[in-house]
Amino acid sequence: MASDPRVLFGAAVLFILAVLFRWKYVLLFLFATGATMTVLKFTGGGGSSDIIVDRSMMLFIGGTIVIAVVLIYFLFIRD
């Protein structure tokens, strides 16, 4: 679904409208969705080795923490 051209076009149109109309919550939702999909893309796959699984888990945890910090900052700290 993330590589479907219609979904990407819809997300791009929604992003442009959100920037033009300054819809902060829509922009944060798009950021959270896109960032989570990116983290999942980079942590998926690999092999059956425990080392690869540990690295993927650490990358997923780190990416999720970064996303959460950015969302908390823009939702609660910064006006």
N, C-alpha and C. Protein backbone atom coordinates (compact mmCIF):
# COMPACT_ATOMS: atom_id res chain seq x y z
N MET A 1 0.82 -1.19 0.00
CA MET A 1 0.00 0.00 0.00
C MET A 1 0.87 1.26 0.00
N ALA A 2 2.03 1.19 0.62
CA ALA A 2 2.89 2.37 0.69
C ALA A 2 3.50 2.73 -0.66
N SER A 3 3.56 1.78 -1.57
CA SER A 3 4.13 2.08 -2.88
C SER A 3 3.06 2.28 -3.95
N ASP A 4 1.80 2.24 -3.58
CA ASP A 4 0.72 2.47 -4.52
C ASP A 4 0.71 3.94 -4.94
N PRO A 5 0.77 4.24 -6.23
CA PRO A 5 0.83 5.64 -6.67
C PRO A 5 -0.36 6.48 -6.22
N ARG A 6 -1.53 5.87 -6.13
CA ARG A 6 -2.71 6.64 -5.69
C ARG A 6 -2.58 7.07 -4.23
N VAL A 7 -2.06 6.18 -3.41
CA VAL A 7 -1.88 6.51 -1.99
C VAL A 7 -0.81 7.59 -1.84
N LEU A 8 0.28 7.46 -2.57
CA LEU A 8 1.34 8.46 -2.50
C LEU A 8 0.86 9.81 -3.01
N PHE A 9 0.07 9.82 -4.09
CA PHE A 9 -0.47 11.07 -4.61
C PHE A 9 -1.43 11.70 -3.60
N GLY A 10 -2.28 10.90 -2.99
CA GLY A 10 -3.20 11.41 -1.99
C GLY A 10 -2.47 11.99 -0.78
N ALA A 11 -1.42 11.31 -0.34
CA ALA A 11 -0.63 11.81 0.78
C ALA A 11 0.08 13.11 0.41
N ALA A 12 0.57 13.21 -0.82
CA ALA A 12 1.24 14.43 -1.26
C ALA A 12 0.25 15.60 -1.33
N VAL A 13 -0.94 15.35 -1.84
CA VAL A 13 -1.97 16.40 -1.92
C VAL A 13 -2.37 16.83 -0.51
N LEU A 14 -2.55 15.87 0.38
CA LEU A 14 -2.90 16.17 1.76
C LEU A 14 -1.79 16.96 2.44
N PHE A 15 -0.54 16.61 2.15
CA PHE A 15 0.60 17.33 2.72
C PHE A 15 0.62 18.78 2.24
N ILE A 16 0.41 18.98 0.94
CA ILE A 16 0.42 20.34 0.39
C ILE A 16 -0.71 21.17 0.98
N LEU A 17 -1.91 20.59 1.09
CA LEU A 17 -3.03 21.31 1.70
C LEU A 17 -2.76 21.63 3.17
N ALA A 18 -2.15 20.69 3.88
CA ALA A 18 -1.85 20.92 5.30
C ALA A 18 -0.82 22.03 5.48
N VAL A 19 0.15 22.09 4.57
CA VAL A 19 1.14 23.17 4.66
C VAL A 19 0.50 24.51 4.32
N LEU A 20 -0.31 24.54 3.28
CA LEU A 20 -0.94 25.80 2.87
C LEU A 20 -1.91 26.34 3.93
N PHE A 21 -2.69 25.43 4.54
CA PHE A 21 -3.68 25.85 5.53
C PHE A 21 -3.16 25.77 6.97
N ARG A 22 -1.89 25.39 7.13
CA ARG A 22 -1.23 25.29 8.44
C ARG A 22 -1.99 24.38 9.39
N TRP A 23 -2.31 23.19 8.93
CA TRP A 23 -2.97 22.19 9.75
C TRP A 23 -1.90 21.39 10.48
N LYS A 24 -1.60 21.81 11.70
CA LYS A 24 -0.51 21.21 12.46
C LYS A 24 -0.76 19.73 12.76
N TYR A 25 -1.97 19.39 13.15
CA TYR A 25 -2.25 18.00 13.52
C TYR A 25 -2.20 17.07 12.31
N VAL A 26 -2.60 17.54 11.16
CA VAL A 26 -2.52 16.71 9.96
C VAL A 26 -1.06 16.50 9.57
N LEU A 27 -0.25 17.55 9.67
CA LEU A 27 1.18 17.41 9.37
C LEU A 27 1.86 16.45 10.35
N LEU A 28 1.50 16.54 11.63
CA LEU A 28 2.09 15.61 12.60
C LEU A 28 1.64 14.18 12.35
N PHE A 29 0.40 13.99 11.95
CA PHE A 29 -0.08 12.66 11.61
C PHE A 29 0.66 12.09 10.40
N LEU A 30 0.84 12.92 9.38
CA LEU A 30 1.58 12.46 8.20
C LEU A 30 3.03 12.14 8.55
N PHE A 31 3.64 12.98 9.41
CA PHE A 31 5.01 12.71 9.84
C PHE A 31 5.08 11.39 10.59
N ALA A 32 4.18 11.19 11.54
CA ALA A 32 4.21 9.97 12.35
C ALA A 32 3.99 8.73 11.49
N THR A 33 3.05 8.81 10.56
CA THR A 33 2.78 7.67 9.68
C THR A 33 3.97 7.37 8.79
N GLY A 34 4.50 8.40 8.14
CA GLY A 34 5.65 8.21 7.25
C GLY A 34 6.90 7.74 7.98
N ALA A 35 7.15 8.31 9.14
CA ALA A 35 8.33 7.92 9.91
C ALA A 35 8.20 6.50 10.42
N THR A 36 7.02 6.12 10.87
CA THR A 36 6.81 4.75 11.35
C THR A 36 6.97 3.75 10.21
N MET A 37 6.45 4.07 9.04
CA MET A 37 6.61 3.18 7.89
C MET A 37 8.09 3.07 7.50
N THR A 38 8.83 4.16 7.60
CA THR A 38 10.26 4.13 7.28
C THR A 38 11.02 3.27 8.28
N VAL A 39 10.72 3.43 9.57
CA VAL A 39 11.37 2.61 10.58
C VAL A 39 11.05 1.14 10.37
N LEU A 40 9.79 0.83 10.08
CA LEU A 40 9.42 -0.56 9.84
C LEU A 40 10.10 -1.13 8.60
N LYS A 41 10.31 -0.30 7.59
CA LYS A 41 10.98 -0.75 6.37
C LYS A 41 12.43 -1.13 6.66
N PHE A 42 13.11 -0.30 7.47
CA PHE A 42 14.52 -0.56 7.75
C PHE A 42 14.73 -1.65 8.79
N THR A 43 13.71 -1.97 9.59
CA THR A 43 13.88 -3.03 10.58
C THR A 43 13.35 -4.37 10.09
N GLY A 44 12.59 -4.38 9.04
CA GLY A 44 12.03 -5.64 8.54
C GLY A 44 13.06 -6.46 7.80
N GLY A 45 12.73 -7.71 7.59
CA GLY A 45 13.61 -8.58 6.82
C GLY A 45 14.78 -9.05 7.65
N GLY A 46 15.91 -9.21 7.02
CA GLY A 46 17.09 -9.69 7.73
C GLY A 46 17.20 -11.19 7.58
N GLY A 47 17.48 -11.84 8.66
CA GLY A 47 17.62 -13.29 8.63
C GLY A 47 17.18 -13.87 9.95
N SER A 48 17.61 -15.07 10.19
CA SER A 48 17.21 -15.73 11.42
C SER A 48 18.26 -15.60 12.51
N SER A 49 19.31 -14.87 12.25
CA SER A 49 20.37 -14.70 13.24
C SER A 49 19.89 -13.83 14.40
N ASP A 50 20.32 -14.18 15.60
CA ASP A 50 19.93 -13.40 16.78
C ASP A 50 20.53 -12.00 16.74
N ILE A 51 21.71 -11.87 16.16
CA ILE A 51 22.37 -10.56 16.10
C ILE A 51 21.56 -9.61 15.22
N ILE A 52 21.08 -10.09 14.09
CA ILE A 52 20.28 -9.26 13.19
C ILE A 52 18.97 -8.87 13.85
N VAL A 53 18.35 -9.78 14.54
CA VAL A 53 17.10 -9.49 15.24
C VAL A 53 17.33 -8.45 16.32
N ASP A 54 18.43 -8.56 17.07
CA ASP A 54 18.74 -7.59 18.11
C ASP A 54 18.99 -6.21 17.51
N ARG A 55 19.71 -6.14 16.42
CA ARG A 55 19.96 -4.84 15.76
C ARG A 55 18.66 -4.24 15.25
N SER A 56 17.82 -5.06 14.66
CA SER A 56 16.55 -4.56 14.14
C SER A 56 15.67 -4.07 15.27
N MET A 57 15.65 -4.79 16.37
CA MET A 57 14.83 -4.38 17.51
C MET A 57 15.35 -3.06 18.09
N MET A 58 16.66 -2.93 18.20
CA MET A 58 17.22 -1.68 18.73
C MET A 58 16.94 -0.50 17.80
N LEU A 59 17.03 -0.73 16.50
CA LEU A 59 16.71 0.32 15.53
C LEU A 59 15.24 0.70 15.61
N PHE A 60 14.36 -0.29 15.77
CA PHE A 60 12.93 -0.02 15.90
C PHE A 60 12.64 0.76 17.17
N ILE A 61 13.23 0.37 18.27
CA ILE A 61 13.01 1.08 19.53
C ILE A 61 13.55 2.50 19.45
N GLY A 62 14.74 2.67 18.90
CA GLY A 62 15.32 4.02 18.77
C GLY A 62 14.49 4.90 17.85
N GLY A 63 14.06 4.36 16.73
CA GLY A 63 13.25 5.13 15.80
C GLY A 63 11.91 5.53 16.39
N THR A 64 11.29 4.61 17.13
CA THR A 64 10.02 4.91 17.76
C THR A 64 10.18 5.98 18.83
N ILE A 65 11.26 5.94 19.58
CA ILE A 65 11.51 6.97 20.60
C ILE A 65 11.72 8.32 19.95
N VAL A 66 12.44 8.37 18.85
CA VAL A 66 12.65 9.65 18.15
C VAL A 66 11.32 10.20 17.64
N ILE A 67 10.50 9.36 17.07
CA ILE A 67 9.19 9.79 16.59
C ILE A 67 8.34 10.32 17.74
N ALA A 68 8.35 9.62 18.86
CA ALA A 68 7.57 10.05 20.02
C ALA A 68 8.06 11.37 20.58
N VAL A 69 9.36 11.56 20.63
CA VAL A 69 9.91 12.83 21.13
C VAL A 69 9.52 13.99 20.23
N VAL A 70 9.60 13.79 18.93
CA VAL A 70 9.21 14.86 18.00
C VAL A 70 7.73 15.19 18.15
N LEU A 71 6.88 14.17 18.24
CA LEU A 71 5.45 14.41 18.40
C LEU A 71 5.14 15.10 19.73
N ILE A 72 5.76 14.68 20.81
CA ILE A 72 5.53 15.33 22.10
C ILE A 72 5.99 16.78 22.05
N TYR A 73 7.12 17.03 21.42
CA TYR A 73 7.61 18.41 21.32
C TYR A 73 6.62 19.30 20.57
N PHE A 74 6.18 18.86 19.42
CA PHE A 74 5.30 19.72 18.61
C PHE A 74 3.88 19.77 19.15
N LEU A 75 3.42 18.75 19.86
CA LEU A 75 2.06 18.77 20.37
C LEU A 75 1.93 19.49 21.71
N PHE A 76 2.92 19.32 22.59
CA PHE A 76 2.77 19.82 23.95
C PHE A 76 3.73 20.95 24.34
N ILE A 77 4.95 20.91 23.87
CA ILE A 77 5.94 21.89 24.32
C ILE A 77 5.91 23.16 23.47
N ARG A 78 5.97 22.97 22.18
CA ARG A 78 6.00 24.12 21.27
C ARG A 78 4.55 24.53 20.96
N ASP A 79 4.17 25.63 21.50
CA ASP A 79 2.81 26.20 21.35
C ASP A 79 1.95 25.22 20.67
